[in-house]
Amino acid sequence: MLWEVAEQTPRQELFDKHWKRRSGSVRDQRSHDNCWTYAGTDLFSAWRLINKKDEEFRTFSARYLTFYASKMMRWVASTESKRKKSHHCHGFTIAKTLQFIQENGVPEEDPADSERDFSCITDAPEENASNMYKIPEEVEIRVSDKLEDLYEMLLDQPVGADLHFFHPEFSNIGSDIYEGPKSEISIYSELHTVLIVRVRKHKGKLVAIVKSSHGKGKGKKGYMKVSLTKMVLGIGRDNEIMSPSFLLTNFTCLVIPRALDKPKSEKEIKKRKLGSCRLPEVDPETSVQLLEEPYLEAVDDLLLQLLVEASPQDKKFVCEEADKALNTMVNSVARLPLLRKLQTYVCQRNPCVRAKAAVFTSNCVSKMELSEIEEFGMVLIVQMAADLLSDKMPEAREAARSMVNSVYNKFTCNGEEKEEQGNRKEAWQKFCEKNVTGPNAQAMVKIVSSP
């Protein structure tokens, strides 16, 4: 679904703000999936220049961030990506990019990187080089989806953002206004990270001027106009856009808090740091909100990170801490939406991640009421467990057996089933034979028969 909304016109002074000259030259990511590295470093460079940390624009290394900003995501790309034989680059949010720079730093760009391509598998730069630049600790990373917040951010600096990328419209945009999909053959590709340098009127329409990272051959010398009145929802092969969104979203910038807002202690500074990379602390009674917007993406990222870190291939203390975090999540987050998220990772190709997902899926199921299981789908849970019974990982198989017992206990509490079938185990056997194919049906009957 694509529709147009009324203009949210900014204050007149915003039309006079133009950050192109302070945003560096247009770079080219070529075939890499690392647009966030270019937008993130350019945002940091522009912030330094505007705040007089540098006398001229200092370009930082996109290649360095490609290798080191998220080793976990690189590992996933190297094992799960369709391009894993030629690319280990990956998607990432601009907010997390800035958080990495704040905590670890980034070096200046090697001049050769602007002239040639590099392998994101083998051409790793030196880690923790001597010329590292960090975002000061007192600087906040702010993120918003609201246009009024974008307008306020743009008064002081360029703003990072994600652009909903539709093909072929994005590729063929030239000097026209990018307004999203325009035909039935349009394909939703992904989010593409850009740098917003200006808001203006073009042919009577309110647009943002954005700097891309596909070289000067795209758009108009690397810049393009994006509509600020078009919204999208439920578009894509799998309805990827799950809530109404402007074409530009996730507006991100760096801000030094005003004197009255400055945190008083180191603990408060850490508490204020980027919230989009970790779960917000919520009361268990209101935890259902945690798996709804705007936290959906944060939960997805956190779940994957914890499942990877909890796998045996990581250091022992890392596994233990990840296990604790996952247990806390199961105990405090609304179980039904959490189970829907875990379901995705139970099908993971990576056996270690799949096994951990199975364990915490089992834990989640064991704590669910019959009404919750029925709402999710008892058949779905049983089929999920059946598939895991033959998994090559012992941990996954044990989790499957535990899941079967949990569902069986709830199943036999159903008075209607009990009355209709007369015998609990006979009813269970008929249920399994009806909904599970092959020898797994008998295996599930044997599980509940064993002492």
Protein backbone atom coordinates (compact mmCIF):
# COMPACT_ATOMS: atom_id res chain seq x y z
CA MET A 1 0.00 0.00 0.00
CA LEU A 2 1.29 3.44 -0.98
CA TRP A 3 -0.48 6.69 -0.24
CA GLU A 4 0.16 10.42 0.06
CA VAL A 5 -0.31 12.47 3.20
CA ALA A 6 -0.55 16.19 3.77
CA GLU A 7 2.73 18.08 3.97
CA GLN A 8 4.23 18.69 7.39
CA THR A 9 5.81 21.98 6.44
CA PRO A 10 8.90 22.94 8.47
CA ARG A 11 9.82 26.39 9.73
CA GLN A 12 11.03 28.72 7.01
CA GLU A 13 14.55 28.86 8.46
CA LEU A 14 15.06 25.16 7.67
CA PHE A 15 14.85 25.87 3.94
CA ASP A 16 17.98 27.98 4.32
CA LYS A 17 19.97 25.11 5.84
CA HIS A 18 22.09 23.23 3.30
CA TRP A 19 24.71 20.77 4.58
CA LYS A 20 26.05 19.44 1.27
CA ARG A 21 29.36 21.29 1.52
CA ARG A 22 29.98 19.90 5.00
CA SER A 23 29.10 16.30 4.19
CA GLY A 24 32.11 15.23 2.17
CA SER A 25 32.37 13.82 -1.33
CA VAL A 26 30.13 11.12 -2.76
CA ARG A 27 31.68 7.67 -2.30
CA ASP A 28 30.85 4.36 -3.94
CA GLN A 29 30.09 1.18 -2.02
CA ARG A 30 30.14 -0.80 -5.26
CA SER A 31 28.76 -4.31 -4.74
CA HIS A 32 29.10 -4.27 -0.94
CA ASP A 33 26.18 -4.28 1.47
CA ASN A 34 27.70 -1.58 3.68
CA CYS A 35 25.92 1.70 2.93
CA TRP A 36 25.69 2.28 6.70
CA THR A 37 29.49 2.56 6.93
CA TYR A 38 29.52 5.51 4.51
CA ALA A 39 26.55 7.34 6.01
CA GLY A 40 27.80 6.71 9.55
CA THR A 41 31.33 7.97 8.95
CA ASP A 42 30.11 10.98 6.93
CA LEU A 43 27.72 11.89 9.74
CA PHE A 44 30.57 11.70 12.26
CA SER A 45 32.89 13.72 9.99
CA ALA A 46 30.26 16.41 9.44
CA TRP A 47 29.60 16.63 13.17
CA ARG A 48 33.32 17.13 13.84
CA LEU A 49 33.58 19.83 11.18
CA ILE A 50 30.46 21.72 12.30
CA ASN A 51 31.56 21.59 15.95
CA LYS A 52 35.07 22.82 15.01
CA LYS A 53 36.84 19.60 15.98
CA ASP A 54 38.42 19.70 12.50
CA GLU A 55 39.24 22.55 10.15
CA GLU A 56 38.31 20.53 7.08
CA PHE A 57 36.24 17.44 6.34
CA ARG A 58 38.06 14.35 7.62
CA THR A 59 37.04 11.13 5.85
CA PHE A 60 36.87 7.99 7.99
CA SER A 61 37.25 4.38 6.97
CA ALA A 62 34.17 2.55 5.71
CA ARG A 63 36.32 -0.55 5.19
CA TYR A 64 37.30 -0.63 8.86
CA LEU A 65 33.67 -0.60 9.97
CA THR A 66 32.80 -3.27 7.41
CA PHE A 67 35.21 -5.65 9.15
CA TYR A 68 34.87 -4.69 12.81
CA ALA A 69 31.58 -2.90 13.62
CA SER A 70 29.74 -6.19 14.17
CA LYS A 71 31.75 -9.39 14.15
CA MET A 72 28.57 -11.25 14.99
CA MET A 73 26.79 -9.98 11.87
CA ARG A 74 29.88 -10.76 9.77
CA TRP A 75 29.80 -14.31 11.09
CA VAL A 76 26.12 -14.62 10.17
CA ALA A 77 26.86 -13.23 6.68
CA SER A 78 29.71 -15.70 6.24
CA THR A 79 27.48 -18.67 7.10
CA GLU A 80 23.95 -17.67 6.05
CA SER A 81 24.22 -15.12 3.23
CA LYS A 82 23.49 -16.13 -0.35
CA ARG A 83 26.70 -14.28 -1.27
CA LYS A 84 28.84 -15.85 1.47
CA LYS A 85 31.47 -17.08 -1.01
CA SER A 86 32.20 -13.55 -2.25
CA HIS A 87 30.94 -11.20 0.47
CA HIS A 88 30.92 -11.08 4.26
CA CYS A 89 29.52 -7.54 4.43
CA HIS A 90 26.10 -7.09 5.99
CA GLY A 91 23.33 -4.68 6.90
CA PHE A 92 23.48 -2.61 10.08
CA THR A 93 21.75 0.44 11.53
CA ILE A 94 23.39 3.84 11.43
CA ALA A 95 22.68 4.25 15.15
CA LYS A 96 24.64 1.12 16.01
CA THR A 97 27.41 2.29 13.69
CA LEU A 98 27.72 5.52 15.66
CA GLN A 99 27.63 3.62 18.94
CA PHE A 100 30.53 1.47 17.75
CA ILE A 101 32.52 4.59 16.83
CA GLN A 102 31.74 6.09 20.23
CA GLU A 103 32.91 3.00 22.10
CA ASN A 104 35.77 1.79 19.88
CA GLY A 105 36.73 4.53 17.44
CA VAL A 106 37.38 4.52 13.69
CA PRO A 107 40.56 5.41 11.73
CA GLU A 108 40.85 7.74 8.78
CA GLU A 109 40.21 6.29 5.37
CA ASP A 110 43.11 4.88 3.36
CA PRO A 111 43.21 7.15 0.25
CA ALA A 112 43.48 4.03 -1.91
CA ASP A 113 40.03 2.89 -0.77
CA SER A 114 38.38 5.69 -2.72
CA GLU A 115 40.14 4.59 -5.89
CA ARG A 116 39.72 0.83 -5.79
CA ASP A 117 37.39 -1.86 -4.52
CA PHE A 118 38.36 -4.14 -1.64
CA SER A 119 37.51 -7.67 -0.63
CA CYS A 120 35.25 -7.71 2.43
CA ILE A 121 36.55 -11.21 3.15
CA THR A 122 40.33 -10.87 2.97
CA ASP A 123 41.30 -7.16 2.93
CA ALA A 124 40.99 -6.52 6.65
CA PRO A 125 42.66 -3.32 7.89
CA GLU A 126 44.65 -3.27 11.12
CA GLU A 127 42.31 -3.49 14.10
CA ASN A 128 42.63 -0.82 16.81
CA ALA A 129 45.08 1.24 14.79
CA SER A 130 46.90 4.17 16.38
CA ASN A 131 44.92 6.94 14.62
CA MET A 132 41.49 6.14 16.06
CA TYR A 133 38.82 8.82 16.43
CA LYS A 134 35.89 8.46 18.83
CA ILE A 135 32.60 10.23 19.34
CA PRO A 136 32.89 11.89 22.78
CA GLU A 137 31.12 10.00 25.55
CA GLU A 138 28.86 12.92 26.48
CA VAL A 139 27.41 13.06 22.96
CA GLU A 140 24.01 11.41 22.55
CA ILE A 141 22.87 9.38 19.56
CA ARG A 142 19.30 10.33 18.83
CA VAL A 143 16.88 8.35 16.65
CA SER A 144 13.34 9.21 15.59
CA ASP A 145 10.79 8.40 12.87
CA LYS A 146 8.98 11.73 13.21
CA LEU A 147 9.33 14.40 10.54
CA GLU A 148 9.14 17.17 13.12
CA ASP A 149 12.21 15.66 14.82
CA LEU A 150 14.00 15.45 11.47
CA TYR A 151 13.33 19.15 10.93
CA GLU A 152 14.82 20.01 14.32
CA MET A 153 17.88 17.82 13.72
CA LEU A 154 18.53 19.39 10.30
CA LEU A 155 18.77 22.84 11.81
CA ASP A 156 22.17 21.90 13.25
CA GLN A 157 23.66 19.22 10.97
CA PRO A 158 23.01 16.63 8.27
CA VAL A 159 20.96 13.64 9.40
CA GLY A 160 21.40 9.93 8.77
CA ALA A 161 18.33 7.96 7.66
CA ASP A 162 17.15 4.71 6.10
CA LEU A 163 15.42 4.83 2.74
CA HIS A 164 12.92 2.20 1.60
CA PHE A 165 14.57 0.96 -1.59
CA PHE A 166 12.30 -0.09 -4.49
CA HIS A 167 13.63 -1.37 -7.80
CA PRO A 168 13.66 -0.19 -10.58
CA GLU A 169 12.49 3.23 -9.32
CA PHE A 170 15.55 3.86 -7.13
CA SER A 171 18.06 2.79 -9.79
CA ASN A 172 16.47 4.89 -12.53
CA ILE A 173 15.57 7.98 -10.52
CA GLY A 174 18.00 10.47 -12.09
CA SER A 175 16.94 14.04 -11.23
CA ASP A 176 13.27 13.12 -10.65
CA ILE A 177 11.62 12.82 -7.23
CA TYR A 178 11.83 9.35 -5.71
CA GLU A 179 8.29 8.47 -4.63
CA GLY A 180 8.56 4.74 -4.01
CA PRO A 181 6.94 2.00 -6.11
CA LYS A 182 5.08 3.10 -9.22
CA SER A 183 4.09 -0.14 -10.94
CA GLU A 184 3.12 -3.76 -10.30
CA ILE A 185 6.61 -4.92 -11.24
CA SER A 186 8.24 -2.80 -8.52
CA ILE A 187 10.26 -4.90 -6.08
CA TYR A 188 11.03 -3.95 -2.50
CA SER A 189 14.73 -4.56 -2.02
CA GLU A 190 15.83 -3.35 1.40
CA LEU A 191 16.59 -0.33 3.54
CA HIS A 192 19.38 1.80 2.11
CA THR A 193 21.19 4.15 4.50
CA VAL A 194 21.63 7.72 3.27
CA LEU A 195 22.58 11.17 4.54
CA ILE A 196 19.92 13.91 4.45
CA VAL A 197 21.55 17.25 3.67
CA ARG A 198 18.57 19.49 2.95
CA VAL A 199 14.78 19.88 2.86
CA ARG A 200 13.30 21.97 0.07
CA LYS A 201 10.38 22.42 -2.29
CA HIS A 202 10.76 21.00 -5.82
CA LYS A 203 8.00 21.65 -8.33
CA GLY A 204 5.69 22.46 -5.45
CA LYS A 205 6.43 19.23 -3.57
CA LEU A 206 8.24 18.88 -0.24
CA VAL A 207 11.36 16.72 -0.66
CA ALA A 208 14.54 15.77 1.16
CA ILE A 209 17.86 15.95 -0.67
CA VAL A 210 19.85 12.85 0.25
CA LYS A 211 23.40 11.76 -0.41
CA SER A 212 23.71 8.11 -1.42
CA SER A 213 26.80 5.90 -1.56
CA HIS A 214 26.49 4.48 -5.07
CA GLY A 215 28.86 6.89 -6.73
CA LYS A 216 28.09 9.96 -8.80
CA GLY A 217 26.35 7.90 -11.48
CA LYS A 218 23.20 7.46 -9.39
CA GLY A 219 20.64 10.23 -8.99
CA LYS A 220 22.13 13.61 -9.82
CA LYS A 221 25.86 13.35 -9.13
CA GLY A 222 25.17 11.02 -6.21
CA TYR A 223 22.31 13.05 -4.71
CA MET A 224 18.58 12.45 -5.09
CA LYS A 225 15.26 13.98 -4.13
CA VAL A 226 12.99 11.90 -1.90
CA SER A 227 9.33 12.65 -1.27
CA LEU A 228 8.38 13.61 2.29
CA THR A 229 4.66 13.02 1.74
CA LYS A 230 4.56 9.39 0.57
CA MET A 231 3.89 6.60 3.07
CA VAL A 232 4.12 2.83 2.60
CA LEU A 233 2.76 -0.22 4.43
CA GLY A 234 2.78 -3.98 3.84
CA ILE A 235 4.79 -3.79 0.64
CA GLY A 236 7.28 -6.44 -0.46
CA ARG A 237 7.33 -10.14 -1.18
CA ASP A 238 6.88 -10.91 2.52
CA ASN A 239 5.15 -7.67 3.55
CA GLU A 240 8.44 -6.45 5.02
CA ILE A 241 7.11 -2.97 5.89
CA MET A 242 4.98 -3.91 8.90
CA SER A 243 3.86 -0.47 10.04
CA PRO A 244 3.09 2.80 8.21
CA SER A 245 6.33 4.53 7.27
CA PHE A 246 7.56 7.46 5.27
CA LEU A 247 10.02 6.56 2.51
CA LEU A 248 12.70 7.92 4.84
CA THR A 249 12.84 6.57 8.38
CA ASN A 250 15.14 6.09 11.39
CA PHE A 251 16.37 9.69 11.44
CA THR A 252 19.67 9.70 13.34
CA CYS A 253 22.04 12.41 14.54
CA LEU A 254 24.62 13.29 17.18
CA VAL A 255 23.66 15.78 19.88
CA ILE A 256 25.50 17.37 22.79
CA PRO A 257 22.88 17.71 25.56
CA ARG A 258 22.15 21.17 26.88
CA ALA A 259 23.62 22.03 30.28
CA LEU A 260 20.34 21.30 32.09
CA ASP A 261 20.03 17.93 30.38
CA LYS A 262 23.58 16.72 30.94
CA PRO A 263 23.87 13.54 33.01
CA LYS A 264 25.54 13.98 36.39
CA SER A 265 27.36 10.66 36.67
CA GLU A 266 29.12 8.05 34.56
CA LYS A 267 26.29 5.62 35.34
CA GLU A 268 23.73 8.09 34.00
CA ILE A 269 25.84 8.65 30.87
CA LYS A 270 25.82 4.91 30.15
CA LYS A 271 22.09 4.76 30.81
CA ARG A 272 21.50 7.49 28.25
CA LYS A 273 23.52 5.77 25.54
CA LEU A 274 21.76 4.45 22.50
CA GLY A 275 18.59 2.62 23.47
CA SER A 276 17.92 1.15 20.02
CA CYS A 277 20.65 -1.45 20.49
CA ARG A 278 19.28 -2.97 23.68
CA LEU A 279 15.94 -3.84 25.20
CA PRO A 280 14.26 -1.10 27.23
CA GLU A 281 13.62 -1.92 30.88
CA VAL A 282 9.89 -2.46 31.33
CA ASP A 283 7.56 -3.70 34.02
CA PRO A 284 6.47 -7.30 33.34
CA GLU A 285 2.82 -6.20 33.34
CA THR A 286 3.46 -3.91 30.39
CA SER A 287 6.08 -6.06 28.68
CA VAL A 288 3.72 -6.92 25.82
CA GLN A 289 4.63 -3.49 24.41
CA LEU A 290 8.22 -4.64 24.07
CA LEU A 291 7.50 -6.76 21.01
CA GLU A 292 5.41 -4.08 19.37
CA GLU A 293 6.57 -0.97 17.56
CA PRO A 294 8.92 0.82 18.06
CA TYR A 295 10.97 -1.97 19.70
CA LEU A 296 10.36 -4.71 17.12
CA GLU A 297 13.65 -4.26 15.25
CA ALA A 298 15.65 -3.93 18.49
CA VAL A 299 14.23 -7.23 19.77
CA ASP A 300 15.05 -8.98 16.49
CA ASP A 301 18.65 -7.79 16.59
CA LEU A 302 19.04 -8.59 20.28
CA LEU A 303 17.57 -12.08 19.96
CA LEU A 304 19.95 -13.02 17.17
CA GLN A 305 22.93 -11.55 19.01
CA LEU A 306 22.10 -13.44 22.21
CA LEU A 307 21.45 -16.72 20.42
CA VAL A 308 24.80 -16.45 18.66
CA GLU A 309 26.67 -15.51 21.83
CA ALA A 310 24.98 -18.29 23.81
CA SER A 311 26.24 -20.94 21.39
CA PRO A 312 29.11 -23.20 22.56
CA GLN A 313 31.52 -21.76 20.01
CA ASP A 314 31.84 -18.55 22.02
CA LYS A 315 33.81 -18.04 25.23
CA LYS A 316 32.30 -19.65 28.32
CA PHE A 317 31.59 -16.46 30.23
CA VAL A 318 29.98 -14.92 27.12
CA CYS A 319 27.72 -17.97 26.76
CA GLU A 320 26.72 -17.78 30.43
CA GLU A 321 25.83 -14.09 30.26
CA ALA A 322 23.86 -14.60 27.04
CA ASP A 323 21.99 -17.51 28.64
CA LYS A 324 21.09 -15.30 31.61
CA ALA A 325 19.83 -12.56 29.31
CA LEU A 326 17.71 -15.01 27.30
CA ASN A 327 16.23 -16.48 30.48
CA THR A 328 15.39 -12.99 31.70
CA MET A 329 13.69 -12.28 28.39
CA VAL A 330 11.60 -15.48 28.60
CA ASN A 331 10.58 -14.65 32.17
CA SER A 332 9.74 -10.98 31.67
CA VAL A 333 8.63 -10.48 28.06
CA ALA A 334 5.13 -11.32 26.84
CA ARG A 335 5.43 -14.95 25.79
CA LEU A 336 3.16 -15.05 22.75
CA PRO A 337 4.93 -12.36 20.69
CA LEU A 338 8.31 -13.65 21.91
CA LEU A 339 7.48 -17.15 20.68
CA ARG A 340 6.64 -15.73 17.27
CA LYS A 341 10.11 -14.19 17.16
CA LEU A 342 11.86 -17.34 18.37
CA GLN A 343 10.03 -19.40 15.74
CA THR A 344 12.15 -17.76 13.04
CA TYR A 345 15.42 -18.86 14.64
CA VAL A 346 14.28 -22.46 15.25
CA CYS A 347 14.60 -22.81 11.47
CA GLN A 348 18.11 -21.31 11.35
CA ARG A 349 20.63 -23.12 9.18
CA ASN A 350 23.34 -22.66 11.76
CA PRO A 351 22.96 -25.67 14.10
CA CYS A 352 24.22 -23.87 17.23
CA VAL A 353 21.84 -20.94 16.85
CA ARG A 354 19.00 -23.34 16.00
CA ALA A 355 19.67 -25.43 19.11
CA LYS A 356 19.71 -22.41 21.43
CA ALA A 357 16.53 -21.10 19.83
CA ALA A 358 14.94 -24.51 20.43
CA VAL A 359 15.90 -24.46 24.12
CA PHE A 360 14.38 -21.06 24.78
CA THR A 361 11.35 -21.84 22.62
CA SER A 362 10.80 -24.85 24.86
CA ASN A 363 11.20 -22.68 27.98
CA CYS A 364 8.72 -20.19 26.57
CA VAL A 365 6.16 -22.90 25.70
CA SER A 366 6.45 -24.42 29.18
CA LYS A 367 5.36 -21.12 30.74
CA MET A 368 2.40 -20.52 28.40
CA GLU A 369 -1.23 -20.99 29.37
CA LEU A 370 -3.47 -23.21 27.24
CA SER A 371 -5.17 -20.12 25.79
CA GLU A 372 -1.81 -18.73 24.67
CA ILE A 373 -0.80 -22.03 23.08
CA GLU A 374 -4.10 -22.20 21.23
CA GLU A 375 -3.75 -18.59 20.05
CA PHE A 376 -0.28 -19.29 18.69
CA GLY A 377 -1.39 -22.64 17.29
CA MET A 378 -0.96 -25.94 19.10
CA VAL A 379 -0.45 -27.68 15.78
CA LEU A 380 2.36 -25.25 14.86
CA ILE A 381 4.17 -25.95 18.13
CA VAL A 382 3.79 -29.71 17.71
CA GLN A 383 5.10 -29.59 14.14
CA MET A 384 8.02 -27.42 15.26
CA ALA A 385 8.89 -29.96 17.96
CA ALA A 386 8.53 -32.86 15.50
CA ASP A 387 11.07 -31.30 13.14
CA LEU A 388 13.53 -30.80 16.01
CA LEU A 389 13.27 -34.42 17.21
CA SER A 390 15.57 -35.46 14.37
CA ASP A 391 17.94 -32.49 14.70
CA LYS A 392 21.63 -33.36 14.75
CA MET A 393 22.18 -31.24 17.87
CA PRO A 394 21.43 -33.11 21.15
CA GLU A 395 20.38 -29.83 22.80
CA ALA A 396 17.74 -29.26 20.13
CA ARG A 397 16.40 -32.82 20.43
CA GLU A 398 16.11 -32.53 24.22
CA ALA A 399 14.32 -29.20 23.84
CA ALA A 400 11.90 -30.82 21.39
CA ARG A 401 11.07 -33.57 23.89
CA SER A 402 10.47 -31.00 26.60
CA MET A 403 8.23 -29.05 24.22
CA VAL A 404 6.21 -32.19 23.45
CA ASN A 405 5.64 -32.86 27.16
CA SER A 406 4.57 -29.25 27.78
CA VAL A 407 2.06 -29.32 24.95
CA TYR A 408 0.80 -32.76 26.01
CA ASN A 409 0.14 -31.53 29.54
CA LYS A 410 -1.86 -28.59 28.23
CA PHE A 411 -3.61 -30.76 25.64
CA THR A 412 -4.88 -33.18 28.24
CA CYS A 413 -6.18 -30.32 30.37
CA ASN A 414 -8.67 -29.59 27.59
CA GLY A 415 -11.87 -31.01 29.00
CA GLU A 416 -13.59 -31.24 25.62
CA GLU A 417 -10.80 -33.37 24.16
CA LYS A 418 -10.77 -35.58 27.23
CA GLU A 419 -14.51 -36.18 27.11
CA GLU A 420 -14.56 -36.80 23.36
CA GLN A 421 -11.71 -39.28 23.22
CA GLY A 422 -12.13 -40.95 26.59
CA ASN A 423 -8.46 -41.67 27.00
CA ARG A 424 -5.81 -38.97 27.18
CA LYS A 425 -3.03 -40.90 25.46
CA GLU A 426 -5.35 -42.21 22.79
CA ALA A 427 -6.51 -38.66 22.11
CA TRP A 428 -2.90 -37.51 21.95
CA GLN A 429 -2.00 -40.30 19.52
CA LYS A 430 -4.84 -39.35 17.19
CA PHE A 431 -3.85 -35.70 17.42
CA CYS A 432 -0.23 -36.48 16.50
CA GLU A 433 -1.16 -38.84 13.65
CA LYS A 434 -3.45 -36.18 12.24
CA ASN A 435 -1.00 -33.28 12.41
CA VAL A 436 2.49 -34.82 12.20
CA THR A 437 3.75 -36.85 9.27
CA GLY A 438 6.08 -39.85 9.22
CA PRO A 439 7.71 -41.65 12.14
CA ASN A 440 7.82 -38.47 14.23
CA ALA A 441 4.15 -38.98 15.13
CA GLN A 442 4.95 -42.27 16.87
CA ALA A 443 8.03 -40.74 18.46
CA MET A 444 5.89 -38.03 20.03
CA VAL A 445 3.50 -40.65 21.43
CA LYS A 446 6.41 -42.59 22.95
CA ILE A 447 7.80 -39.43 24.59
CA VAL A 448 4.69 -38.90 26.72
CA SER A 449 4.45 -42.67 27.43
CA SER A 450 7.94 -42.93 28.87
CA PRO A 451 8.30 -42.42 32.65
